[in-house]
Amino acid sequence: MLLDQFRVGPYLNFTYLVANEEGGEGVVIDPSYGIDPVLEAVDRRRVKVRYILNTHSHPDHVAGNREVRERTGAKVVAHRVAPLDQDLSVDDGDAVDAGRLKVRVLHTPGHTKDSVLYLFEGHVATGDTLFVGECGRTDLPGGDPAEMYESLHRRLRVLDDALVVLPGHDYGATPTSTLGRERAENYTLSPRTKEEFLRFLAE
């Protein structure tokens, strides 16, 4: 599998180029500001970008959508409630196939109502739901601490420990992690009741 991680834009965003192989079909995840290095890699690696996968609708995760779509003809994918110009609307449990690259969608509201994770080939792109060592904010429009608890502790925390975490920003000690490491070290995933989690976020 081909997986390139790019730190782009003024907010330490991560954009990902994923394909089954060089010259194969693939996806771009969360095209942010300053998308040129990603487009150069698409050309250099001869990737046929079929889909643009948005983990949520905040501008720093979708700023490059139009440019990537115009350059590659890729279809924009987002959760069905995302206020975006989307070609393919997805919901929890849906699958997106780019050739041999199979991607599963997991709806994880909390940071925004339209937040999703994308699972593929032993990896999970977590957007702003989970960072290395932290979780996303819930105090912005559309954020909900109770939904974040459910997403982190009922949905994400129970996934395979071996999954490689691909966060939406370079906010942690390392650019990637594993879910097992995050379960062990990320204080936002420490076992808590919902009430304890809500008090913790409010502090």
C-alpha atoms as a PDB file:
ATOM      1  CA  MET A   1       0.000   0.000   0.000  1.00  0.00           C
ATOM      2  CA  LEU A   2       1.105   3.552  -0.753  1.00  0.00           C
ATOM      3  CA  LEU A   3       0.542   6.029   2.092  1.00  0.00           C
ATOM      4  CA  ASP A   4       1.951   9.570   2.060  1.00  0.00           C
ATOM      5  CA  GLN A   5       1.380  12.000   4.916  1.00  0.00           C
ATOM      6  CA  PHE A   6       1.719  15.738   4.223  1.00  0.00           C
ATOM      7  CA  ARG A   7       1.813  18.503   6.815  1.00  0.00           C
ATOM      8  CA  VAL A   8       0.259  21.433   4.979  1.00  0.00           C
ATOM      9  CA  GLY A   9      -1.330  24.797   5.664  1.00  0.00           C
ATOM     10  CA  PRO A  10      -0.978  27.207   8.583  1.00  0.00           C
ATOM     11  CA  TYR A  11      -2.733  24.967  11.157  1.00  0.00           C
ATOM     12  CA  LEU A  12      -0.411  21.937  11.079  1.00  0.00           C
ATOM     13  CA  ASN A  13      -2.986  19.938   9.117  1.00  0.00           C
ATOM     14  CA  PHE A  14      -2.269  16.465   7.822  1.00  0.00           C
ATOM     15  CA  THR A  15      -3.441  15.532   4.337  1.00  0.00           C
ATOM     16  CA  TYR A  16      -3.045  11.930   3.177  1.00  0.00           C
ATOM     17  CA  LEU A  17      -2.559  10.308  -0.222  1.00  0.00           C
ATOM     18  CA  VAL A  18      -3.473   6.624  -0.123  1.00  0.00           C
ATOM     19  CA  ALA A  19      -3.468   4.060  -2.919  1.00  0.00           C
ATOM     20  CA  ASN A  20      -3.124   0.336  -3.343  1.00  0.00           C
ATOM     21  CA  GLU A  21       0.145   0.935  -5.205  1.00  0.00           C
ATOM     22  CA  GLU A  22       2.020   3.424  -7.384  1.00  0.00           C
ATOM     23  CA  GLY A  23       0.060   3.895 -10.566  1.00  0.00           C
ATOM     24  CA  GLY A  24      -3.045   2.474  -8.887  1.00  0.00           C
ATOM     25  CA  GLU A  25      -6.355   3.871  -7.742  1.00  0.00           C
ATOM     26  CA  GLY A  26      -6.511   5.833  -4.526  1.00  0.00           C
ATOM     27  CA  VAL A  27      -7.912   8.612  -2.363  1.00  0.00           C
ATOM     28  CA  VAL A  28      -6.893  11.938  -0.868  1.00  0.00           C
ATOM     29  CA  ILE A  29      -7.989  12.457   2.743  1.00  0.00           C
ATOM     30  CA  ASP A  30      -8.697  15.960   4.091  1.00  0.00           C
ATOM     31  CA  PRO A  31      -7.053  18.194   1.459  1.00  0.00           C
ATOM     32  CA  SER A  32      -6.107  21.325   3.382  1.00  0.00           C
ATOM     33  CA  TYR A  33      -4.628  24.678   2.433  1.00  0.00           C
ATOM     34  CA  GLY A  34      -1.402  24.559   0.425  1.00  0.00           C
ATOM     35  CA  ILE A  35      -2.325  21.435  -1.507  1.00  0.00           C
ATOM     36  CA  ASP A  36       0.441  21.690  -4.152  1.00  0.00           C
ATOM     37  CA  PRO A  37       2.794  19.089  -2.560  1.00  0.00           C
ATOM     38  CA  VAL A  38      -0.058  16.575  -2.548  1.00  0.00           C
ATOM     39  CA  LEU A  39      -0.905  17.206  -6.203  1.00  0.00           C
ATOM     40  CA  GLU A  40       2.770  16.887  -7.109  1.00  0.00           C
ATOM     41  CA  ALA A  41       2.864  13.505  -5.358  1.00  0.00           C
ATOM     42  CA  VAL A  42      -0.283  12.397  -7.192  1.00  0.00           C
ATOM     43  CA  ASP A  43       1.463  13.130 -10.494  1.00  0.00           C
ATOM     44  CA  ARG A  44       4.809  11.677  -9.441  1.00  0.00           C
ATOM     45  CA  ARG A  45       3.299   8.449  -8.146  1.00  0.00           C
ATOM     46  CA  ARG A  46       0.770   8.293 -11.005  1.00  0.00           C
ATOM     47  CA  VAL A  47      -2.117   7.736  -8.604  1.00  0.00           C
ATOM     48  CA  LYS A  48      -5.611   7.711 -10.090  1.00  0.00           C
ATOM     49  CA  VAL A  49      -7.448   9.602  -7.336  1.00  0.00           C
ATOM     50  CA  ARG A  50     -11.035   8.347  -7.294  1.00  0.00           C
ATOM     51  CA  TYR A  51     -12.276   9.966  -4.098  1.00  0.00           C
ATOM     52  CA  ILE A  52     -11.608  12.908  -1.785  1.00  0.00           C
ATOM     53  CA  LEU A  53     -12.487  11.750   1.715  1.00  0.00           C
ATOM     54  CA  ASN A  54     -13.420  14.504   4.178  1.00  0.00           C
ATOM     55  CA  THR A  55     -13.396  13.556   7.858  1.00  0.00           C
ATOM     56  CA  HIS A  56     -15.503  16.639   8.628  1.00  0.00           C
ATOM     57  CA  SER A  57     -16.473  19.966   7.125  1.00  0.00           C
ATOM     58  CA  HIS A  58     -14.206  22.496   8.852  1.00  0.00           C
ATOM     59  CA  PRO A  59     -12.477  24.712   6.267  1.00  0.00           C
ATOM     60  CA  ASP A  60      -8.961  23.542   7.078  1.00  0.00           C
ATOM     61  CA  HIS A  61      -9.954  19.968   6.154  1.00  0.00           C
ATOM     62  CA  VAL A  62     -11.762  20.750   2.898  1.00  0.00           C
ATOM     63  CA  ALA A  63      -9.920  23.806   1.512  1.00  0.00           C
ATOM     64  CA  GLY A  64      -8.266  21.756  -1.219  1.00  0.00           C
ATOM     65  CA  ASN A  65     -11.373  19.856  -2.319  1.00  0.00           C
ATOM     66  CA  ARG A  66     -12.041  21.894  -5.425  1.00  0.00           C
ATOM     67  CA  GLU A  67      -8.428  21.904  -6.577  1.00  0.00           C
ATOM     68  CA  VAL A  68      -8.030  18.158  -6.181  1.00  0.00           C
ATOM     69  CA  ARG A  69     -11.384  17.494  -7.860  1.00  0.00           C
ATOM     70  CA  GLU A  70     -10.561  19.768 -10.805  1.00  0.00           C
ATOM     71  CA  ARG A  71      -7.109  18.219 -11.250  1.00  0.00           C
ATOM     72  CA  THR A  72      -8.067  14.557 -10.865  1.00  0.00           C
ATOM     73  CA  GLY A  73     -11.824  14.253 -11.444  1.00  0.00           C
ATOM     74  CA  ALA A  74     -12.172  12.660  -7.993  1.00  0.00           C
ATOM     75  CA  LYS A  75     -15.530  12.601  -6.216  1.00  0.00           C
ATOM     76  CA  VAL A  76     -15.944  14.404  -2.894  1.00  0.00           C
ATOM     77  CA  VAL A  77     -17.078  12.107  -0.068  1.00  0.00           C
ATOM     78  CA  ALA A  78     -18.463  13.326   3.263  1.00  0.00           C
ATOM     79  CA  HIS A  79     -21.030  12.401   5.876  1.00  0.00           C
ATOM     80  CA  ARG A  80     -24.554  13.001   4.640  1.00  0.00           C
ATOM     81  CA  VAL A  81     -25.161  15.919   7.068  1.00  0.00           C
ATOM     82  CA  ALA A  82     -21.937  17.742   6.171  1.00  0.00           C
ATOM     83  CA  PRO A  83     -22.646  21.212   4.724  1.00  0.00           C
ATOM     84  CA  LEU A  84     -20.399  20.553   1.738  1.00  0.00           C
ATOM     85  CA  ASP A  85     -20.666  20.200  -2.007  1.00  0.00           C
ATOM     86  CA  GLN A  86     -20.378  16.403  -1.998  1.00  0.00           C
ATOM     87  CA  ASP A  87     -20.645  13.859  -4.785  1.00  0.00           C
ATOM     88  CA  LEU A  88     -21.060  10.855  -2.502  1.00  0.00           C
ATOM     89  CA  SER A  89     -22.848  11.097   0.854  1.00  0.00           C
ATOM     90  CA  VAL A  90     -21.972   8.411   3.390  1.00  0.00           C
ATOM     91  CA  ASP A  91     -23.166   7.268   6.788  1.00  0.00           C
ATOM     92  CA  ASP A  92     -22.009   4.906   9.489  1.00  0.00           C
ATOM     93  CA  GLY A  93     -21.007   1.498   8.168  1.00  0.00           C
ATOM     94  CA  ASP A  94     -20.832   2.508   4.515  1.00  0.00           C
ATOM     95  CA  ALA A  95     -17.950   1.422   2.302  1.00  0.00           C
ATOM     96  CA  VAL A  96     -16.028   3.365  -0.313  1.00  0.00           C
ATOM     97  CA  ASP A  97     -14.001   1.335  -2.801  1.00  0.00           C
ATOM     98  CA  ALA A  98     -11.178   2.827  -4.849  1.00  0.00           C
ATOM     99  CA  GLY A  99     -10.150  -0.198  -6.837  1.00  0.00           C
ATOM    100  CA  ARG A 100      -8.494  -2.645  -4.437  1.00  0.00           C
ATOM    101  CA  LEU A 101      -8.412  -0.022  -1.674  1.00  0.00           C
ATOM    102  CA  LYS A 102     -11.427  -0.679   0.558  1.00  0.00           C
ATOM    103  CA  VAL A 103     -12.442   2.050   3.008  1.00  0.00           C
ATOM    104  CA  ARG A 104     -15.043   1.719   5.793  1.00  0.00           C
ATOM    105  CA  VAL A 105     -16.866   4.695   7.322  1.00  0.00           C
ATOM    106  CA  LEU A 106     -17.449   5.105  11.060  1.00  0.00           C
ATOM    107  CA  HIS A 107     -19.607   8.053  12.190  1.00  0.00           C
ATOM    108  CA  THR A 108     -18.037   9.739  15.242  1.00  0.00           C
ATOM    109  CA  PRO A 109     -19.841  13.002  16.103  1.00  0.00           C
ATOM    110  CA  GLY A 110     -18.525  15.141  18.923  1.00  0.00           C
ATOM    111  CA  HIS A 111     -16.105  17.554  17.292  1.00  0.00           C
ATOM    112  CA  THR A 112     -18.752  18.189  14.620  1.00  0.00           C
ATOM    113  CA  LYS A 113     -22.048  16.497  13.754  1.00  0.00           C
ATOM    114  CA  ASP A 114     -20.557  15.212  10.493  1.00  0.00           C
ATOM    115  CA  SER A 115     -17.278  13.814  11.851  1.00  0.00           C
ATOM    116  CA  VAL A 116     -16.303  10.393  10.531  1.00  0.00           C
ATOM    117  CA  LEU A 117     -13.352   8.026  10.657  1.00  0.00           C
ATOM    118  CA  TYR A 118     -12.064   6.172   7.610  1.00  0.00           C
ATOM    119  CA  LEU A 119     -10.709   2.658   8.218  1.00  0.00           C
ATOM    120  CA  PHE A 120      -8.534   0.900   5.645  1.00  0.00           C
ATOM    121  CA  GLU A 121      -5.705  -1.648   5.491  1.00  0.00           C
ATOM    122  CA  GLY A 122      -4.789  -1.528   9.192  1.00  0.00           C
ATOM    123  CA  HIS A 123      -5.099   2.264   9.424  1.00  0.00           C
ATOM    124  CA  VAL A 124      -7.701   4.696  10.716  1.00  0.00           C
ATOM    125  CA  ALA A 125      -7.868   8.342   9.622  1.00  0.00           C
ATOM    126  CA  THR A 126      -9.323  10.075  12.667  1.00  0.00           C
ATOM    127  CA  GLY A 127      -9.591  13.698  11.531  1.00  0.00           C
ATOM    128  CA  ASP A 128     -10.235  15.883  14.571  1.00  0.00           C
ATOM    129  CA  THR A 129     -11.924  13.159  16.616  1.00  0.00           C
ATOM    130  CA  LEU A 130      -8.655  11.771  17.958  1.00  0.00           C
ATOM    131  CA  PHE A 131      -5.170  13.252  17.889  1.00  0.00           C
ATOM    132  CA  VAL A 132      -1.949  11.729  19.180  1.00  0.00           C
ATOM    133  CA  GLY A 133      -2.296  12.309  22.920  1.00  0.00           C
ATOM    134  CA  GLU A 134      -5.493  14.374  22.726  1.00  0.00           C
ATOM    135  CA  CYS A 135      -9.007  14.553  21.292  1.00  0.00           C
ATOM    136  CA  GLY A 136     -10.733  17.234  19.250  1.00  0.00           C
ATOM    137  CA  ARG A 137     -12.453  20.290  20.675  1.00  0.00           C
ATOM    138  CA  THR A 138     -16.143  20.155  21.494  1.00  0.00           C
ATOM    139  CA  ASP A 139     -16.722  23.866  22.152  1.00  0.00           C
ATOM    140  CA  LEU A 140     -17.040  24.912  18.502  1.00  0.00           C
ATOM    141  CA  PRO A 141     -20.368  25.093  16.613  1.00  0.00           C
ATOM    142  CA  GLY A 142     -21.697  21.574  16.178  1.00  0.00           C
ATOM    143  CA  GLY A 143     -19.512  20.184  18.948  1.00  0.00           C
ATOM    144  CA  ASP A 144     -21.043  18.040  21.672  1.00  0.00           C
ATOM    145  CA  PRO A 145     -19.100  16.633  24.665  1.00  0.00           C
ATOM    146  CA  ALA A 146     -21.632  13.842  25.249  1.00  0.00           C
ATOM    147  CA  GLU A 147     -21.375  12.733  21.628  1.00  0.00           C
ATOM    148  CA  MET A 148     -17.584  12.892  21.841  1.00  0.00           C
ATOM    149  CA  TYR A 149     -17.699  10.524  24.813  1.00  0.00           C
ATOM    150  CA  GLU A 150     -19.783   8.019  22.876  1.00  0.00           C
ATOM    151  CA  SER A 151     -17.528   8.312  19.834  1.00  0.00           C
ATOM    152  CA  LEU A 152     -14.295   7.894  21.780  1.00  0.00           C
ATOM    153  CA  HIS A 153     -15.325   5.325  24.357  1.00  0.00           C
ATOM    154  CA  ARG A 154     -18.090   3.324  22.673  1.00  0.00           C
ATOM    155  CA  ARG A 155     -16.933   3.401  19.065  1.00  0.00           C
ATOM    156  CA  LEU A 156     -13.229   4.189  18.687  1.00  0.00           C
ATOM    157  CA  ARG A 157     -11.802   2.704  21.875  1.00  0.00           C
ATOM    158  CA  VAL A 158     -13.105  -0.771  21.026  1.00  0.00           C
ATOM    159  CA  LEU A 159     -11.347  -0.981  17.652  1.00  0.00           C
ATOM    160  CA  ASP A 160      -8.247  -3.097  17.080  1.00  0.00           C
ATOM    161  CA  ASP A 161      -5.212  -1.920  19.083  1.00  0.00           C
ATOM    162  CA  ALA A 162      -2.977  -2.540  16.056  1.00  0.00           C
ATOM    163  CA  LEU A 163      -4.693   0.125  13.937  1.00  0.00           C
ATOM    164  CA  VAL A 164      -2.324   2.920  12.937  1.00  0.00           C
ATOM    165  CA  VAL A 165      -3.862   6.276  13.913  1.00  0.00           C
ATOM    166  CA  LEU A 166      -3.621   8.957  11.210  1.00  0.00           C
ATOM    167  CA  PRO A 167      -4.668  12.216  12.905  1.00  0.00           C
ATOM    168  CA  GLY A 168      -5.946  15.369  11.253  1.00  0.00           C
ATOM    169  CA  HIS A 169      -3.262  17.632  12.770  1.00  0.00           C
ATOM    170  CA  ASP A 170       0.366  17.397  13.846  1.00  0.00           C
ATOM    171  CA  TYR A 171      -0.414  18.141  17.487  1.00  0.00           C
ATOM    172  CA  GLY A 172       1.229  15.177  19.193  1.00  0.00           C
ATOM    173  CA  ALA A 173       4.659  13.899  20.115  1.00  0.00           C
ATOM    174  CA  THR A 174       4.716  11.825  16.916  1.00  0.00           C
ATOM    175  CA  PRO A 175       2.919  12.272  13.577  1.00  0.00           C
ATOM    176  CA  THR A 176       1.152   8.904  13.880  1.00  0.00           C
ATOM    177  CA  SER A 177       0.415   6.412  16.622  1.00  0.00           C
ATOM    178  CA  THR A 178      -1.459   3.169  17.187  1.00  0.00           C
ATOM    179  CA  LEU A 179      -4.808   2.775  18.840  1.00  0.00           C
ATOM    180  CA  GLY A 180      -3.215   0.539  21.458  1.00  0.00           C
ATOM    181  CA  ARG A 181      -0.716   3.252  22.351  1.00  0.00           C
ATOM    182  CA  GLU A 182      -3.461   5.847  22.513  1.00  0.00           C
ATOM    183  CA  ARG A 183      -5.584   3.625  24.755  1.00  0.00           C
ATOM    184  CA  ALA A 184      -2.591   3.328  27.090  1.00  0.00           C
ATOM    185  CA  GLU A 185      -1.268   6.909  26.973  1.00  0.00           C
ATOM    186  CA  ASN A 186      -3.960   9.310  25.747  1.00  0.00           C
ATOM    187  CA  TYR A 187      -5.669  10.765  28.806  1.00  0.00           C
ATOM    188  CA  THR A 188      -8.873  11.486  26.865  1.00  0.00           C
ATOM    189  CA  LEU A 189      -9.295   7.719  26.387  1.00  0.00           C
ATOM    190  CA  SER A 190      -8.773   6.866  30.057  1.00  0.00           C
ATOM    191  CA  PRO A 191     -11.688   4.761  31.357  1.00  0.00           C
ATOM    192  CA  ARG A 192     -14.392   7.105  32.654  1.00  0.00           C
ATOM    193  CA  THR A 193     -18.141   7.218  32.980  1.00  0.00           C
ATOM    194  CA  LYS A 194     -19.903   9.707  30.738  1.00  0.00           C
ATOM    195  CA  GLU A 195     -20.513  11.969  33.738  1.00  0.00           C
ATOM    196  CA  GLU A 196     -16.822  11.865  34.649  1.00  0.00           C
ATOM    197  CA  PHE A 197     -15.859  12.612  31.061  1.00  0.00           C
ATOM    198  CA  LEU A 198     -18.199  15.609  30.880  1.00  0.00           C
ATOM    199  CA  ARG A 199     -16.774  17.007  34.125  1.00  0.00           C
ATOM    200  CA  PHE A 200     -13.256  16.403  32.829  1.00  0.00           C
ATOM    201  CA  LEU A 201     -13.939  18.323  29.593  1.00  0.00           C
ATOM    202  CA  ALA A 202     -15.556  21.172  31.516  1.00  0.00           C
ATOM    203  CA  GLU A 203     -12.501  21.689  33.734  1.00  0.00           C
END
